[in-house]
Protein backbone atom coordinates (compact mmCIF):
# COMPACT_ATOMS: atom_id res chain seq x y z
CA MET A 1 -2.92 10.95 -16.25
CA THR A 2 -2.52 12.32 -13.55
CA THR A 3 -4.41 12.58 -10.08
CA ILE A 4 -5.25 16.25 -10.50
CA GLU A 5 -6.25 15.29 -14.09
CA LEU A 6 -8.40 12.59 -13.26
CA LYS A 7 -10.19 15.18 -10.20
CA GLN A 8 -10.78 17.76 -12.68
CA LYS A 9 -12.25 15.31 -14.99
CA TRP A 10 -14.93 13.87 -11.74
CA SER A 11 -15.67 17.98 -11.32
CA GLU A 12 -16.79 17.78 -15.34
CA LEU A 13 -18.96 15.24 -14.86
CA SER A 14 -20.35 15.93 -11.60
CA GLU A 15 -21.31 19.51 -12.75
CA ASN A 16 -24.73 18.26 -14.73
CA PRO A 17 -25.35 14.89 -12.73
CA ALA A 18 -27.41 12.00 -15.00
CA THR A 19 -31.01 11.51 -14.82
CA SER A 20 -31.08 8.03 -15.79
CA GLY A 21 -28.26 5.74 -16.53
CA PHE A 22 -24.73 7.17 -16.86
CA ARG A 23 -23.56 10.64 -17.33
CA SER A 24 -20.06 9.85 -18.81
CA LEU A 25 -16.36 11.10 -20.24
CA ARG A 26 -13.63 9.46 -22.12
CA ILE A 27 -10.81 9.22 -19.60
CA SER A 28 -8.01 10.03 -22.20
CA SER A 29 -7.58 9.61 -26.02
CA ASP A 30 -3.96 7.94 -24.90
CA CYS A 31 -5.82 5.15 -23.91
CA ILE A 32 -6.19 2.34 -26.79
CA CYS A 33 -9.68 1.20 -25.61
CA GLU A 34 -12.67 2.99 -24.76
CA LEU A 35 -12.52 3.89 -21.19
CA TYR A 36 -14.61 6.16 -19.51
CA LEU A 37 -15.44 7.74 -16.28
CA GLY A 38 -19.08 7.78 -15.22
CA VAL A 39 -21.48 9.23 -12.55
CA ASN A 40 -24.86 7.41 -11.99
CA LYS A 41 -28.40 9.27 -10.83
CA GLU A 42 -27.31 8.65 -7.51
CA GLY A 43 -23.98 10.42 -7.76
CA ASN A 44 -21.86 7.27 -7.62
CA ARG A 45 -18.65 7.02 -9.69
CA CYS A 46 -18.06 4.42 -12.14
CA LEU A 47 -15.60 3.10 -14.29
CA ILE A 48 -16.81 2.07 -17.84
CA LEU A 49 -15.35 -0.34 -20.47
CA ALA A 50 -17.00 -0.18 -23.68
CA LEU A 51 -16.32 -3.27 -25.77
CA PRO A 52 -16.65 -3.99 -29.53
CA ARG A 53 -19.74 -5.16 -31.09
CA PHE A 54 -18.18 -8.26 -32.13
CA LYS A 55 -17.29 -9.47 -28.71
CA GLN A 56 -19.59 -10.46 -26.48
CA LEU A 57 -18.72 -12.13 -22.95
CA ASN A 58 -20.12 -14.46 -21.01
CA PHE A 59 -20.11 -12.88 -17.73
CA LYS A 60 -22.53 -12.18 -14.60
CA GLY A 61 -22.09 -8.90 -12.40
CA VAL A 62 -20.95 -9.42 -8.85
CA GLN A 63 -21.61 -7.23 -5.91
CA LYS A 64 -19.30 -6.77 -3.20
CA GLU A 65 -19.09 -4.46 -0.24
CA ASN A 66 -19.15 -0.66 -1.61
CA LEU A 67 -17.74 -1.99 -5.05
CA SER A 68 -19.99 -3.71 -8.03
CA ILE A 69 -18.89 -4.49 -11.47
CA GLU A 70 -22.03 -5.43 -14.18
CA TYR A 71 -22.07 -6.32 -17.82
CA PHE A 72 -24.78 -4.80 -19.87
CA ARG A 73 -25.00 -6.81 -22.91
CA GLU A 74 -27.31 -4.83 -24.83
CA THR A 75 -25.20 -1.86 -24.90
CA ASN A 76 -21.94 -4.07 -24.70
CA LEU A 77 -20.66 -2.11 -21.55
CA ILE A 78 -18.69 -3.44 -18.54
CA VAL A 79 -19.65 -0.59 -15.54
CA LEU A 80 -17.51 -1.06 -12.37
CA GLN A 81 -19.40 0.91 -9.79
CA LEU A 82 -18.54 2.49 -6.58
CA THR A 83 -21.56 2.39 -3.67
CA ASP A 84 -20.08 4.49 -0.95
CA ASN A 85 -18.49 7.79 -1.61
CA ASP A 86 -16.50 8.04 1.40
CA PHE A 87 -13.93 5.67 -0.93
CA ASN A 88 -13.86 8.17 -3.73
CA ASP A 89 -9.93 8.42 -3.62
CA LEU A 90 -9.59 4.87 -2.87
CA PHE A 91 -12.00 4.36 -6.53
CA ASP A 92 -9.53 7.38 -8.00
CA ASP A 93 -6.35 4.94 -6.88
CA LEU A 94 -8.12 1.75 -8.74
CA VAL A 95 -8.84 3.92 -11.92
CA LEU A 96 -5.23 5.21 -12.09
CA SER A 97 -3.76 2.41 -11.54
CA LEU A 98 -6.21 0.51 -14.21
CA TYR A 99 -5.80 3.05 -16.68
CA HIS A 100 -1.97 2.88 -16.63
CA SER A 101 -1.93 -0.88 -17.22
CA ILE A 102 -4.21 -1.03 -20.03
CA LYS A 103 -4.00 2.09 -21.88
CA SER A 104 -1.54 0.53 -24.15
CA ILE A 105 -3.18 -2.90 -24.74
CA SER A 106 -5.00 -3.06 -28.25
CA HIS A 107 -6.35 -6.94 -27.62
CA VAL A 108 -9.88 -7.08 -26.54
CA ASP A 109 -9.43 -10.31 -24.51
CA GLU A 110 -6.13 -8.89 -22.66
CA TYR A 111 -7.80 -5.54 -21.55
CA SER A 112 -11.25 -6.64 -20.75
CA ASN A 113 -9.36 -9.41 -18.60
CA HIS A 114 -7.54 -6.57 -16.60
CA PHE A 115 -10.49 -4.92 -15.95
CA ILE A 116 -12.47 -7.55 -14.73
CA GLN A 117 -9.46 -9.09 -12.51
CA ALA A 118 -8.95 -5.71 -11.04
CA PHE A 119 -12.64 -5.84 -9.69
CA TYR A 120 -11.45 -8.83 -7.64
CA ARG A 121 -8.13 -7.75 -7.20
CA TRP A 122 -9.42 -4.19 -5.35
CA SER A 123 -12.60 -5.06 -3.78
CA GLU A 124 -11.27 -6.00 -0.76
CA PHE A 125 -9.92 -2.56 -0.33
CA PHE A 126 -13.29 -1.28 -0.23
CA GLU A 127 -14.55 -3.24 2.67
CA ASP A 128 -15.45 -1.19 5.84
CA LYS A 129 -12.68 -1.89 8.52
CA LYS A 130 -14.34 -0.05 11.54
CA SER A 131 -13.54 -2.54 14.22
CA ASP A 132 -10.10 -3.55 15.59
CA LEU A 133 -8.39 -0.56 15.29
CA LEU A 134 -4.65 -0.78 15.92
CA PRO A 135 -3.49 0.48 19.35
CA GLU A 136 -0.57 3.50 19.60
CA GLU A 137 2.10 1.27 19.46
CA ALA A 138 1.31 -0.75 16.85
CA ILE A 139 0.90 2.42 14.96
CA LYS A 140 4.10 3.55 15.80
CA GLY A 141 5.98 0.45 15.02
CA LEU A 142 3.98 0.75 11.50
CA ILE A 143 4.76 4.24 10.92
CA GLY A 144 8.52 2.97 11.33
CA GLU A 145 8.41 0.50 8.40
CA LEU A 146 6.35 3.11 6.22
CA LEU A 147 9.15 5.35 6.49
CA VAL A 148 11.99 3.00 5.59
CA LEU A 149 9.60 1.90 2.61
CA LYS A 150 9.76 5.39 1.55
CA LEU A 151 13.57 5.72 2.19
CA LEU A 152 13.67 2.33 0.03
CA ILE A 153 11.59 3.92 -2.88
CA ASN A 154 13.38 7.30 -2.91
CA GLU A 155 16.94 5.49 -2.83
CA HIS A 156 16.03 2.62 -5.50
CA GLY A 157 14.31 5.16 -7.83
CA SER A 158 11.02 4.17 -10.00
CA HIS A 159 12.31 1.26 -11.99
CA ASP A 160 12.13 -1.31 -9.15
CA ILE A 161 8.90 0.53 -7.36
CA ASN A 162 7.08 -3.19 -7.44
CA ILE A 163 9.71 -4.77 -6.27
CA LEU A 164 10.05 -2.76 -3.28
CA LEU A 165 6.12 -2.93 -2.73
CA ASN A 166 6.33 -6.86 -2.80
CA SER A 167 9.48 -6.86 -0.12
CA TRP A 168 7.25 -5.15 2.48
CA LYS A 169 6.31 -8.13 4.47
CA GLY A 170 6.16 -6.27 7.58
CA PRO A 171 2.36 -6.26 7.40
CA TYR A 172 2.07 -9.64 6.79
CA ASP A 173 3.58 -10.90 10.11
CA LYS A 174 5.83 -13.47 9.01
CA GLY A 175 9.48 -13.25 8.41
CA ASN A 176 11.41 -10.19 8.32
CA ASP A 177 9.75 -6.69 7.78
CA PHE A 178 11.48 -6.26 4.11
CA GLU A 179 13.09 -9.14 2.12
CA LEU A 180 15.14 -7.79 -0.63
CA GLU A 181 17.00 -9.41 -3.07
CA ASN A 182 20.27 -9.29 -1.51
CA LYS A 183 19.39 -8.62 2.23
CA ASN A 184 16.62 -8.32 4.80
CA LEU A 185 15.81 -5.65 6.79
CA GLU A 186 13.92 -5.95 10.57
CA VAL A 187 12.54 -2.35 11.31
CA LYS A 188 12.18 -1.73 15.32
CA THR A 189 10.72 1.49 16.07
CA LYS A 190 11.52 3.56 19.31
CA SER A 191 10.93 7.36 21.32
CA PRO A 192 14.67 9.18 21.11
CA SER A 193 14.87 8.91 24.51
CA GLY A 194 14.88 5.02 24.76
CA ILE A 195 17.70 2.88 23.98
CA GLU A 196 16.15 -0.41 24.00
CA VAL A 197 14.06 -2.53 21.34
CA LYS A 198 12.71 -5.60 21.84
CA ILE A 199 12.80 -8.69 19.99
CA ALA A 200 10.03 -10.57 19.56
CA SER A 201 11.33 -14.13 18.49
CA GLU A 202 14.49 -16.09 17.68
CA TYR A 203 13.40 -15.77 14.27
CA GLN A 204 13.71 -11.98 13.68
CA LEU A 205 17.53 -11.75 13.87
CA GLU A 206 18.46 -15.08 12.01
CA VAL A 207 20.17 -14.42 8.96
CA ALA A 208 18.76 -15.95 5.69
CA SER A 209 20.97 -18.41 3.60
CA GLY A 210 22.88 -16.31 1.11
CA LYS A 211 21.39 -12.62 2.26
CA GLY A 212 22.37 -9.81 4.49
CA LEU A 213 20.36 -8.58 7.52
CA GLU A 214 19.83 -5.06 8.80
CA LEU A 215 18.39 -3.99 12.06
CA VAL A 216 16.96 -0.84 11.08
CA VAL A 217 16.04 1.47 14.27
CA VAL A 218 13.30 4.08 13.52
CA ASP A 219 13.11 7.25 16.27
CA VAL A 220 10.02 8.97 15.87
CA GLN A 221 8.86 11.73 18.74
CA SER A 222 5.00 11.48 19.81
CA ASP A 223 4.13 15.08 19.02
CA PHE A 224 0.37 16.29 18.46
CA SER A 225 1.20 19.57 16.98
CA SER A 226 3.43 19.11 14.36
CA GLY A 227 4.17 15.21 13.92
CA LEU A 228 2.73 13.43 11.30
CA HIS A 229 -0.50 11.24 11.17
CA ILE A 230 -0.20 7.92 9.83
CA ARG A 231 -2.47 8.70 6.86
CA ASP A 232 0.14 11.64 5.98
CA VAL A 233 2.79 8.89 5.70
CA ILE A 234 0.50 6.60 3.57
CA LEU A 235 -0.48 9.59 0.95
CA GLN A 236 3.28 10.43 1.00
CA ILE A 237 4.08 7.23 -0.34
CA LYS A 238 0.77 6.68 -2.52
CA LYS A 239 2.30 9.82 -4.31
CA LEU A 240 5.56 8.34 -4.74
CA ILE A 241 4.33 5.27 -6.17
CA GLN A 242 1.81 7.19 -8.64
CA GLU A 243 4.64 9.21 -9.54
CA SER A 244 6.24 6.01 -10.58
CA TYR A 245 3.60 3.99 -12.16
CA GLY A 246 3.70 1.45 -9.49
CA ASP A 247 1.12 -1.10 -8.61
CA ILE A 248 -0.60 0.87 -6.09
CA SER A 249 -2.92 -2.01 -5.16
CA ILE A 250 0.37 -4.15 -3.89
CA PHE A 251 0.95 -1.12 -1.23
CA TRP A 252 -3.12 -1.35 -0.46
CA LYS A 253 -2.93 -4.92 0.24
CA ALA A 254 -0.05 -4.86 2.89
CA LEU A 255 -2.17 -2.09 4.40
CA ASN A 256 -5.41 -4.00 4.45
CA GLN A 257 -3.53 -6.42 6.47
CA LYS A 258 -3.41 -4.59 9.50
CA ASN A 259 -7.58 -3.35 8.34
CA ILE A 260 -6.27 -0.05 7.60
CA SER A 261 -8.21 1.36 4.52
CA SER A 262 -8.35 4.63 2.72
CA LYS A 263 -11.82 5.20 4.72
CA ASN A 264 -10.48 4.25 8.06
CA PHE A 265 -7.22 5.76 8.60
CA ARG A 266 -8.40 9.25 9.59
CA PHE A 267 -9.87 7.09 12.69
CA TYR A 268 -5.88 7.68 14.13
CA ASP A 269 -5.62 11.02 13.88
CA ARG A 270 -5.33 10.85 17.32
CA TYR A 271 -1.87 9.86 17.10
CA ARG A 272 0.89 12.15 15.68
CA PHE A 273 4.81 11.35 15.32
CA LYS A 274 7.49 13.24 14.15
CA PRO A 275 10.30 11.01 12.40
CA VAL A 276 13.59 11.99 14.12
CA ASN A 277 16.24 9.61 12.54
CA TRP A 278 17.15 6.37 11.88
CA ILE A 279 20.03 3.79 11.99
CA SER A 280 21.01 0.58 10.47
CA TYR A 281 22.68 -2.36 12.19
CA ASN A 282 24.64 -5.13 10.52
CA CYS A 283 23.08 -7.96 12.18
CA SER A 284 25.31 -10.50 9.76
CA ASP A 285 28.30 -10.04 11.84
CA VAL A 286 29.67 -13.01 13.64
CA ASN A 287 30.07 -10.86 16.90
CA PHE A 288 26.52 -8.83 16.62
CA PRO A 289 24.83 -9.69 20.07
CA LYS A 290 21.62 -11.67 19.33
CA LEU A 291 20.02 -14.77 20.43
CA SER A 292 18.48 -16.40 16.90
CA LYS A 293 17.43 -19.77 15.90
CA SER A 294 20.91 -21.04 14.74
CA ASN A 295 22.89 -20.06 17.94
CA ILE A 296 20.64 -21.29 20.50
CA PRO A 297 20.07 -24.86 21.91
CA GLU A 298 17.09 -26.41 20.18
CA GLU A 299 15.26 -26.95 23.37
CA ILE A 300 14.68 -23.19 23.62
CA CYS A 301 11.46 -21.89 21.66
CA ALA A 302 9.28 -18.68 21.72
CA LEU A 303 12.06 -16.48 22.86
CA LYS A 304 11.92 -12.83 23.46
CA TYR A 305 14.42 -10.54 24.50
CA THR A 306 15.71 -6.51 24.37
CA LEU A 307 18.55 -5.51 22.70
CA LYS A 308 20.13 -1.93 24.06
CA THR A 309 20.88 0.08 20.99
CA ASN A 310 23.88 2.48 22.77
CA MET A 311 25.92 -0.77 22.97
CA LEU A 312 25.69 -1.21 19.12
CA THR A 313 27.76 1.39 17.80
CA SER A 314 30.57 -0.66 16.39
CA PHE A 315 27.80 -2.01 13.87
CA ILE A 316 26.61 0.60 12.17
CA LEU A 317 26.44 0.67 8.56
CA ARG A 318 24.27 3.41 7.55
CA LYS A 319 22.41 6.47 9.65
CA GLY A 320 20.18 9.74 8.93
CA ASP A 321 18.30 12.34 9.66
CA PHE A 322 13.88 12.74 8.54
C-alpha cells in the first residue's frame, strides 16, 4: 500500500458520500485482519477495524482534539475518526503506518491492541499548533538538522530507518542533535558567507564515553525564489520513511516538540532556504579547539562561545554538496 494507492481509494469513497453511518472500502486483501477505510456523512475520514464476532472489547470511546476512537458493540467495529479535514495528509500517514504494522498479524488481541494504541500514540500530532511559531533562525537551524537526517537515511539505507529516526534528539533540546550507536553529531547551520558558529553550552561539544563526536556545519542560503520551505524538506523525509516502511510517528513526535504539525508547517512558507553544502569536523581530536565540561574549571558554568570554522580545516572528516 502506497500513498498514491491510498489517495485513489479515498477518491473512490468520496464519489458517493454516505447518507448515514459510514461508506467503507476494504483497505487491501493483503491485510489479514478486516481493516477498512471509511467516510462518514459529514465527509470525514475514518479507519475501521472489524472484529470477529467472538471477540468483544471492554473499551470506551475517547475524543481527542481533531481525532476520536469509538467502539460500536452492536456491529463489533472500532472506528478511528478524523474530525478536521485539514489533517487529511497526516491521517494518511497514520493509516499507512498502522496498516503496515498490523497487516500480517492474525491474532485478534494483538492487532486490536495495535489499533487502539496507535490512536493514543498519534493523537497529539493532530492538535492545532497555531501559537508559538518559531522565528526564522530557529527554522533555519531545524532545516539544517532535517538535511542531516536526510543524509543519514540515504547513507544507511532502509534497514536502519527507525534507529536513525530515534537518534534525532535535536528537537528535544537535550544532549547532541543526533545520538548514533558509535558517535554523536552536533549540527550547526549558517549562511555560506558566515564563518562563525555559536556553541550554546559547555556540554554541546563534550565527548560521550566510548563514542566519537562530530560537529556538522550546514550551509544554507536564504533564497525566496528557489529555496526550500521547511515543509518541502519534511515531505522529502516523509517519503523516504514511507518507502522504507519506517515508523513515521517517530518523526512526527520529534517535530511536535517544536510545535510543528502537518497543518501548521505552511505558516512557515515565508522562509525559504537553498541547501548549499555541509562539512563534518572531528571534535574527538584532542587538539580540537573547544571549551567543554571536561576541560574547564568546575567553577565555570553556563558557557557560550563562538567557533571560527575557517580555522578548523585540519579537523575536517567529510564534506559534500546538497
